[in-house]
């Protein structure tokens, strides 16, 4: 099953409502409205450490990459690398 959320807060709501949801991987951006990707990753890292996270973003700022490493993100892909 694939779920598409518009922001991190919507993802958190899905986890709260569906107690028996099983998620293997989350692909997120860094900049999103309401709750950004780094906040989402921080929450996931605390509550669901087995979920793999990939960041797909246009932000190549090394600060984001450092924070992603602390959260044990599986991969950090910069969209600009595709072009």
PDB file of N, CA and C in Angstrom:
ATOM      1  N   UNK A   1       0.842  -1.167   0.000  1.00  0.00           N
ATOM      2  CA  UNK A   1       0.000   0.000   0.000  1.00  0.00           C
ATOM      3  C   UNK A   1       0.896   1.241   0.000  1.00  0.00           C
ATOM      4  N   UNK A   2       0.544   2.229  -0.792  1.00  0.00           N
ATOM      5  CA  UNK A   2       1.274   3.478  -0.870  1.00  0.00           C
ATOM      6  C   UNK A   2       0.390   4.606  -0.355  1.00  0.00           C
ATOM      7  N   UNK A   3       0.928   5.442   0.496  1.00  0.00           N
ATOM      8  CA  UNK A   3       0.208   6.608   1.004  1.00  0.00           C
ATOM      9  C   UNK A   3       0.963   7.859   0.589  1.00  0.00           C
ATOM     10  N   UNK A   4       0.236   8.872   0.186  1.00  0.00           N
ATOM     11  CA  UNK A   4       0.832  10.145  -0.205  1.00  0.00           C
ATOM     12  C   UNK A   4       0.318  11.222   0.731  1.00  0.00           C
ATOM     13  N   UNK A   5       1.233  11.910   1.376  1.00  0.00           N
ATOM     14  CA  UNK A   5       0.873  12.974   2.312  1.00  0.00           C
ATOM     15  C   UNK A   5       1.437  14.292   1.805  1.00  0.00           C
ATOM     16  N   UNK A   6       0.737  15.383   2.100  1.00  0.00           N
ATOM     17  CA  UNK A   6       1.156  16.703   1.630  1.00  0.00           C
ATOM     18  C   UNK A   6       2.167  17.372   2.543  1.00  0.00           C
ATOM     19  N   UNK A   7       2.273  16.899   3.781  1.00  0.00           N
ATOM     20  CA  UNK A   7       3.219  17.490   4.724  1.00  0.00           C
ATOM     21  C   UNK A   7       3.476  16.505   5.861  1.00  0.00           C
ATOM     22  N   UNK A   8       4.425  16.832   6.700  1.00  0.00           N
ATOM     23  CA  UNK A   8       4.792  15.956   7.805  1.00  0.00           C
ATOM     24  C   UNK A   8       3.672  15.756   8.803  1.00  0.00           C
ATOM     25  N   UNK A   9       2.886  16.800   9.054  1.00  0.00           N
ATOM     26  CA  UNK A   9       1.787  16.704  10.015  1.00  0.00           C
ATOM     27  C   UNK A   9       0.744  15.692   9.557  1.00  0.00           C
ATOM     28  N   UNK A  10       0.475  15.661   8.270  1.00  0.00           N
ATOM     29  CA  UNK A  10      -0.481  14.697   7.732  1.00  0.00           C
ATOM     30  C   UNK A  10       0.054  13.270   7.918  1.00  0.00           C
ATOM     31  N   UNK A  11       1.333  13.084   7.765  1.00  0.00           N
ATOM     32  CA  UNK A  11       1.947  11.768   7.995  1.00  0.00           C
ATOM     33  C   UNK A  11       1.779  11.342   9.444  1.00  0.00           C
ATOM     34  N   UNK A  12       2.026  12.253  10.361  1.00  0.00           N
ATOM     35  CA  UNK A  12       1.886  11.956  11.791  1.00  0.00           C
ATOM     36  C   UNK A  12       0.450  11.569  12.108  1.00  0.00           C
ATOM     37  N   UNK A  13      -0.516  12.262  11.525  1.00  0.00           N
ATOM     38  CA  UNK A  13      -1.929  11.942  11.749  1.00  0.00           C
ATOM     39  C   UNK A  13      -2.251  10.520  11.301  1.00  0.00           C
ATOM     40  N   UNK A  14      -1.681  10.096  10.200  1.00  0.00           N
ATOM     41  CA  UNK A  14      -1.908   8.725   9.731  1.00  0.00           C
ATOM     42  C   UNK A  14      -1.368   7.727  10.747  1.00  0.00           C
ATOM     43  N   UNK A  15      -0.201   7.989  11.305  1.00  0.00           N
ATOM     44  CA  UNK A  15       0.369   7.092  12.309  1.00  0.00           C
ATOM     45  C   UNK A  15      -0.489   7.063  13.567  1.00  0.00           C
ATOM     46  N   UNK A  16      -1.071   8.200  13.940  1.00  0.00           N
ATOM     47  CA  UNK A  16      -1.915   8.259  15.132  1.00  0.00           C
ATOM     48  C   UNK A  16      -3.236   7.516  14.922  1.00  0.00           C
ATOM     49  N   UNK A  17      -3.833   7.658  13.755  1.00  0.00           N
ATOM     50  CA  UNK A  17      -5.149   7.067  13.485  1.00  0.00           C
ATOM     51  C   UNK A  17      -5.082   5.577  13.214  1.00  0.00           C
ATOM     52  N   UNK A  18      -4.060   5.143  12.530  1.00  0.00           N
ATOM     53  CA  UNK A  18      -3.951   3.733  12.139  1.00  0.00           C
ATOM     54  C   UNK A  18      -2.911   3.060  13.021  1.00  0.00           C
ATOM     55  N   UNK A  19      -3.372   2.497  14.102  1.00  0.00           N
ATOM     56  CA  UNK A  19      -2.468   1.912  15.107  1.00  0.00           C
ATOM     57  C   UNK A  19      -1.671   0.728  14.557  1.00  0.00           C
ATOM     58  N   UNK A  20      -2.236  -0.012  13.623  1.00  0.00           N
ATOM     59  CA  UNK A  20      -1.559  -1.209  13.127  1.00  0.00           C
ATOM     60  C   UNK A  20      -0.950  -0.993  11.748  1.00  0.00           C
ATOM     61  N   UNK A  21      -0.638   0.235  11.417  1.00  0.00           N
ATOM     62  CA  UNK A  21      -0.035   0.517  10.113  1.00  0.00           C
ATOM     63  C   UNK A  21       1.408   0.017  10.106  1.00  0.00           C
ATOM     64  N   UNK A  22       1.808  -0.596   9.008  1.00  0.00           N
ATOM     65  CA  UNK A  22       3.184  -1.084   8.863  1.00  0.00           C
ATOM     66  C   UNK A  22       3.838  -0.303   7.722  1.00  0.00           C
ATOM     67  N   UNK A  23       4.893   0.395   8.035  1.00  0.00           N
ATOM     68  CA  UNK A  23       5.604   1.208   7.048  1.00  0.00           C
ATOM     69  C   UNK A  23       7.045   0.746   6.999  1.00  0.00           C
ATOM     70  N   UNK A  24       7.517   0.459   5.794  1.00  0.00           N
ATOM     71  CA  UNK A  24       8.909   0.059   5.617  1.00  0.00           C
ATOM     72  C   UNK A  24       9.805   1.250   5.303  1.00  0.00           C
ATOM     73  N   UNK A  25       9.284   2.172   4.476  1.00  0.00           N
ATOM     74  CA  UNK A  25      10.108   3.279   3.993  1.00  0.00           C
ATOM     75  C   UNK A  25       9.267   4.535   3.819  1.00  0.00           C
ATOM     76  N   UNK A  26       9.878   5.665   4.120  1.00  0.00           N
ATOM     77  CA  UNK A  26       9.255   6.972   3.895  1.00  0.00           C
ATOM     78  C   UNK A  26      10.215   7.801   3.054  1.00  0.00           C
ATOM     79  N   UNK A  27       9.681   8.411   2.011  1.00  0.00           N
ATOM     80  CA  UNK A  27      10.441   9.350   1.187  1.00  0.00           C
ATOM     81  C   UNK A  27       9.859  10.720   1.468  1.00  0.00           C
ATOM     82  N   UNK A  28      10.697  11.642   1.896  1.00  0.00           N
ATOM     83  CA  UNK A  28      10.212  12.963   2.291  1.00  0.00           C
ATOM     84  C   UNK A  28      11.100  14.065   1.728  1.00  0.00           C
ATOM     85  N   UNK A  29      10.531  15.242   1.679  1.00  0.00           N
ATOM     86  CA  UNK A  29      11.292  16.446   1.344  1.00  0.00           C
ATOM     87  C   UNK A  29      11.669  17.118   2.654  1.00  0.00           C
ATOM     88  N   UNK A  30      12.514  18.120   2.607  1.00  0.00           N
ATOM     89  CA  UNK A  30      12.869  18.862   3.811  1.00  0.00           C
ATOM     90  C   UNK A  30      11.858  19.975   4.047  1.00  0.00           C
ATOM     91  N   UNK A  31      11.638  20.794   3.048  1.00  0.00           N
ATOM     92  CA  UNK A  31      10.738  21.943   3.188  1.00  0.00           C
ATOM     93  C   UNK A  31       9.321  21.558   2.799  1.00  0.00           C
ATOM     94  N   UNK A  32       8.426  21.583   3.784  1.00  0.00           N
ATOM     95  CA  UNK A  32       6.999  21.314   3.574  1.00  0.00           C
ATOM     96  C   UNK A  32       6.230  22.231   4.506  1.00  0.00           C
ATOM     97  N   UNK A  33       4.982  22.533   4.170  1.00  0.00           N
ATOM     98  CA  UNK A  33       4.186  23.374   5.062  1.00  0.00           C
ATOM     99  C   UNK A  33       3.804  22.626   6.343  1.00  0.00           C
ATOM    100  N   UNK A  34       3.459  23.346   7.358  1.00  0.00           N
ATOM    101  CA  UNK A  34       2.970  22.873   8.659  1.00  0.00           C
ATOM    102  C   UNK A  34       4.061  22.159   9.459  1.00  0.00           C
ATOM    103  N   UNK A  35       4.539  21.020   8.999  1.00  0.00           N
ATOM    104  CA  UNK A  35       5.631  20.302   9.660  1.00  0.00           C
ATOM    105  C   UNK A  35       6.632  19.895   8.588  1.00  0.00           C
ATOM    106  N   UNK A  36       7.866  20.365   8.727  1.00  0.00           N
ATOM    107  CA  UNK A  36       8.845  20.049   7.684  1.00  0.00           C
ATOM    108  C   UNK A  36       9.387  18.623   7.832  1.00  0.00           C
ATOM    109  N   UNK A  37      10.129  18.223   6.833  1.00  0.00           N
ATOM    110  CA  UNK A  37      10.647  16.869   6.791  1.00  0.00           C
ATOM    111  C   UNK A  37      11.579  16.521   7.935  1.00  0.00           C
ATOM    112  N   UNK A  38      12.375  17.467   8.386  1.00  0.00           N
ATOM    113  CA  UNK A  38      13.311  17.172   9.470  1.00  0.00           C
ATOM    114  C   UNK A  38      12.556  16.927  10.782  1.00  0.00           C
ATOM    115  N   UNK A  39      11.489  17.676  11.024  1.00  0.00           N
ATOM    116  CA  UNK A  39      10.666  17.421  12.212  1.00  0.00           C
ATOM    117  C   UNK A  39      10.032  16.032  12.126  1.00  0.00           C
ATOM    118  N   UNK A  40       9.532  15.700  10.950  1.00  0.00           N
ATOM    119  CA  UNK A  40       8.930  14.381  10.737  1.00  0.00           C
ATOM    120  C   UNK A  40       9.962  13.282  10.977  1.00  0.00           C
ATOM    121  N   UNK A  41      11.143  13.445  10.434  1.00  0.00           N
ATOM    122  CA  UNK A  41      12.195  12.438  10.593  1.00  0.00           C
ATOM    123  C   UNK A  41      12.583  12.293  12.061  1.00  0.00           C
ATOM    124  N   UNK A  42      12.649  13.399  12.780  1.00  0.00           N
ATOM    125  CA  UNK A  42      12.965  13.350  14.208  1.00  0.00           C
ATOM    126  C   UNK A  42      11.935  12.545  14.984  1.00  0.00           C
ATOM    127  N   UNK A  43      10.641  12.779  14.686  1.00  0.00           N
ATOM    128  CA  UNK A  43       9.566  12.044  15.344  1.00  0.00           C
ATOM    129  C   UNK A  43       9.641  10.556  14.983  1.00  0.00           C
ATOM    130  N   UNK A  44       9.860  10.263  13.718  1.00  0.00           N
ATOM    131  CA  UNK A  44       9.950   8.864  13.285  1.00  0.00           C
ATOM    132  C   UNK A  44      11.129   8.160  13.934  1.00  0.00           C
ATOM    133  N   UNK A  45      12.240   8.858  14.012  1.00  0.00           N
ATOM    134  CA  UNK A  45      13.454   8.285  14.598  1.00  0.00           C
ATOM    135  C   UNK A  45      13.225   7.882  16.060  1.00  0.00           C
ATOM    136  N   UNK A  46      12.448   8.684  16.785  1.00  0.00           N
ATOM    137  CA  UNK A  46      12.161   8.397  18.191  1.00  0.00           C
ATOM    138  C   UNK A  46      11.157   7.254  18.355  1.00  0.00           C
ATOM    139  N   UNK A  47      10.079   7.300  17.579  1.00  0.00           N
ATOM    140  CA  UNK A  47       8.965   6.367  17.782  1.00  0.00           C
ATOM    141  C   UNK A  47       9.029   5.110  16.923  1.00  0.00           C
ATOM    142  N   UNK A  48       9.614   5.223  15.739  1.00  0.00           N
ATOM    143  CA  UNK A  48       9.646   4.102  14.796  1.00  0.00           C
ATOM    144  C   UNK A  48      11.043   3.971  14.182  1.00  0.00           C
ATOM    145  N   UNK A  49      12.023   3.592  14.966  1.00  0.00           N
ATOM    146  CA  UNK A  49      13.409   3.582  14.472  1.00  0.00           C
ATOM    147  C   UNK A  49      13.678   2.577  13.341  1.00  0.00           C
ATOM    148  N   UNK A  50      12.786   1.622  13.130  1.00  0.00           N
ATOM    149  CA  UNK A  50      12.995   0.627  12.074  1.00  0.00           C
ATOM    150  C   UNK A  50      12.569   1.108  10.699  1.00  0.00           C
ATOM    151  N   UNK A  51      11.830   2.222  10.640  1.00  0.00           N
ATOM    152  CA  UNK A  51      11.395   2.743   9.347  1.00  0.00           C
ATOM    153  C   UNK A  51      12.582   3.402   8.657  1.00  0.00           C
ATOM    154  N   UNK A  52      12.827   3.014   7.419  1.00  0.00           N
ATOM    155  CA  UNK A  52      13.894   3.616   6.615  1.00  0.00           C
ATOM    156  C   UNK A  52      13.379   4.926   6.025  1.00  0.00           C
ATOM    157  N   UNK A  53      14.224   5.943   6.017  1.00  0.00           N
ATOM    158  CA  UNK A  53      13.838   7.254   5.495  1.00  0.00           C
ATOM    159  C   UNK A  53      14.811   7.686   4.409  1.00  0.00           C
ATOM    160  N   UNK A  54      14.254   8.174   3.326  1.00  0.00           N
ATOM    161  CA  UNK A  54      15.030   8.775   2.244  1.00  0.00           C
ATOM    162  C   UNK A  54      14.578  10.219   2.107  1.00  0.00           C
ATOM    163  N   UNK A  55      15.525  11.123   2.079  1.00  0.00           N
ATOM    164  CA  UNK A  55      15.214  12.537   1.838  1.00  0.00           C
ATOM    165  C   UNK A  55      15.475  12.815   0.365  1.00  0.00           C
ATOM    166  N   UNK A  56      14.465  13.320  -0.308  1.00  0.00           N
ATOM    167  CA  UNK A  56      14.561  13.732  -1.710  1.00  0.00           C
ATOM    168  C   UNK A  56      14.278  15.220  -1.715  1.00  0.00           C
ATOM    169  N   UNK A  57      15.293  16.026  -1.949  1.00  0.00           N
ATOM    170  CA  UNK A  57      15.153  17.467  -1.751  1.00  0.00           C
ATOM    171  C   UNK A  57      15.966  18.274  -2.757  1.00  0.00           C
ATOM    172  N   UNK A  58      15.633  19.541  -2.865  1.00  0.00           N
ATOM    173  CA  UNK A  58      16.405  20.469  -3.693  1.00  0.00           C
ATOM    174  C   UNK A  58      17.465  21.190  -2.862  1.00  0.00           C
ATOM    175  N   UNK A  59      17.461  20.966  -1.550  1.00  0.00           N
ATOM    176  CA  UNK A  59      18.381  21.662  -0.651  1.00  0.00           C
ATOM    177  C   UNK A  59      19.647  20.843  -0.436  1.00  0.00           C
ATOM    178  N   UNK A  60      20.751  21.345  -0.932  1.00  0.00           N
ATOM    179  CA  UNK A  60      22.023  20.631  -0.779  1.00  0.00           C
ATOM    180  C   UNK A  60      22.834  21.170   0.398  1.00  0.00           C
ATOM    181  N   UNK A  61      22.224  21.990   1.238  1.00  0.00           N
ATOM    182  CA  UNK A  61      22.875  22.574   2.411  1.00  0.00           C
ATOM    183  C   UNK A  61      23.436  21.456   3.295  1.00  0.00           C
ATOM    184  N   UNK A  62      24.715  21.541   3.613  1.00  0.00           N
ATOM    185  CA  UNK A  62      25.373  20.499   4.392  1.00  0.00           C
ATOM    186  C   UNK A  62      24.778  20.364   5.792  1.00  0.00           C
ATOM    187  N   UNK A  63      24.212  21.421   6.330  1.00  0.00           N
ATOM    188  CA  UNK A  63      23.584  21.371   7.655  1.00  0.00           C
ATOM    189  C   UNK A  63      22.446  20.350   7.665  1.00  0.00           C
ATOM    190  N   UNK A  64      21.652  20.331   6.600  1.00  0.00           N
ATOM    191  CA  UNK A  64      20.570  19.341   6.494  1.00  0.00           C
ATOM    192  C   UNK A  64      21.138  17.932   6.420  1.00  0.00           C
ATOM    193  N   UNK A  65      22.190  17.761   5.672  1.00  0.00           N
ATOM    194  CA  UNK A  65      22.810  16.440   5.550  1.00  0.00           C
ATOM    195  C   UNK A  65      23.346  15.974   6.901  1.00  0.00           C
ATOM    196  N   UNK A  66      23.939  16.873   7.665  1.00  0.00           N
ATOM    197  CA  UNK A  66      24.453  16.528   8.991  1.00  0.00           C
ATOM    198  C   UNK A  66      23.310  16.076   9.913  1.00  0.00           C
ATOM    199  N   UNK A  67      22.221  16.822   9.883  1.00  0.00           N
ATOM    200  CA  UNK A  67      21.081  16.469  10.721  1.00  0.00           C
ATOM    201  C   UNK A  67      20.499  15.126  10.285  1.00  0.00           C
ATOM    202  N   UNK A  68      20.443  14.891   8.987  1.00  0.00           N
ATOM    203  CA  UNK A  68      19.938  13.623   8.465  1.00  0.00           C
ATOM    204  C   UNK A  68      20.797  12.457   8.956  1.00  0.00           C
ATOM    205  N   UNK A  69      22.097  12.652   9.013  1.00  0.00           N
ATOM    206  CA  UNK A  69      23.005  11.611   9.506  1.00  0.00           C
ATOM    207  C   UNK A  69      22.701  11.302  10.975  1.00  0.00           C
ATOM    208  N   UNK A  70      22.454  12.337  11.767  1.00  0.00           N
ATOM    209  CA  UNK A  70      22.111  12.134  13.178  1.00  0.00           C
ATOM    210  C   UNK A  70      20.832  11.318  13.323  1.00  0.00           C
ATOM    211  N   UNK A  71      19.890  11.512  12.406  1.00  0.00           N
ATOM    212  CA  UNK A  71      18.626  10.776  12.431  1.00  0.00           C
ATOM    213  C   UNK A  71      18.732   9.421  11.735  1.00  0.00           C
ATOM    214  N   UNK A  72      19.915   9.053  11.304  1.00  0.00           N
ATOM    215  CA  UNK A  72      20.187   7.769  10.645  1.00  0.00           C
ATOM    216  C   UNK A  72      19.337   7.576   9.382  1.00  0.00           C
ATOM    217  N   UNK A  73      19.219   8.633   8.595  1.00  0.00           N
ATOM    218  CA  UNK A  73      18.494   8.570   7.328  1.00  0.00           C
ATOM    219  C   UNK A  73      19.222   7.628   6.380  1.00  0.00           C
ATOM    220  N   UNK A  74      18.461   6.824   5.641  1.00  0.00           N
ATOM    221  CA  UNK A  74      19.060   5.841   4.736  1.00  0.00           C
ATOM    222  C   UNK A  74      19.758   6.472   3.542  1.00  0.00           C
ATOM    223  N   UNK A  75      19.179   7.580   3.025  1.00  0.00           N
ATOM    224  CA  UNK A  75      19.794   8.252   1.879  1.00  0.00           C
ATOM    225  C   UNK A  75      19.349   9.703   1.832  1.00  0.00           C
ATOM    226  N   UNK A  76      20.173  10.544   1.253  1.00  0.00           N
ATOM    227  CA  UNK A  76      19.913  11.975   1.107  1.00  0.00           C
ATOM    228  C   UNK A  76      20.168  12.300  -0.355  1.00  0.00           C
ATOM    229  N   UNK A  77      19.102  12.440  -1.135  1.00  0.00           N
ATOM    230  CA  UNK A  77      19.210  12.640  -2.573  1.00  0.00           C
ATOM    231  C   UNK A  77      18.834  14.077  -2.914  1.00  0.00           C
ATOM    232  N   UNK A  78      19.737  14.785  -3.569  1.00  0.00           N
ATOM    233  CA  UNK A  78      19.480  16.157  -3.985  1.00  0.00           C
ATOM    234  C   UNK A  78      18.888  16.118  -5.396  1.00  0.00           C
ATOM    235  N   UNK A  79      17.707  16.692  -5.542  1.00  0.00           N
ATOM    236  CA  UNK A  79      17.004  16.660  -6.840  1.00  0.00           C
ATOM    237  C   UNK A  79      17.855  17.239  -7.950  1.00  0.00           C
ATOM    238  N   UNK A  80      18.638  18.234  -7.663  1.00  0.00           N
ATOM    239  CA  UNK A  80      19.469  18.881  -8.687  1.00  0.00           C
ATOM    240  C   UNK A  80      20.495  17.915  -9.282  1.00  0.00           C
ATOM    241  N   UNK A  81      20.808  16.840  -8.566  1.00  0.00           N
ATOM    242  CA  UNK A  81      21.773  15.852  -9.049  1.00  0.00           C
ATOM    243  C   UNK A  81      21.260  15.099 -10.269  1.00  0.00           C
ATOM    244  N   UNK A  82      19.947  15.146 -10.516  1.00  0.00           N
ATOM    245  CA  UNK A  82      19.362  14.445 -11.654  1.00  0.00           C
ATOM    246  C   UNK A  82      19.579  15.184 -12.976  1.00  0.00           C
ATOM    247  N   UNK A  83      19.881  16.470 -12.904  1.00  0.00           N
ATOM    248  CA  UNK A  83      19.972  17.291 -14.112  1.00  0.00           C
ATOM    249  C   UNK A  83      21.394  17.637 -14.450  1.00  0.00           C
TER     250      UNK A  83
END
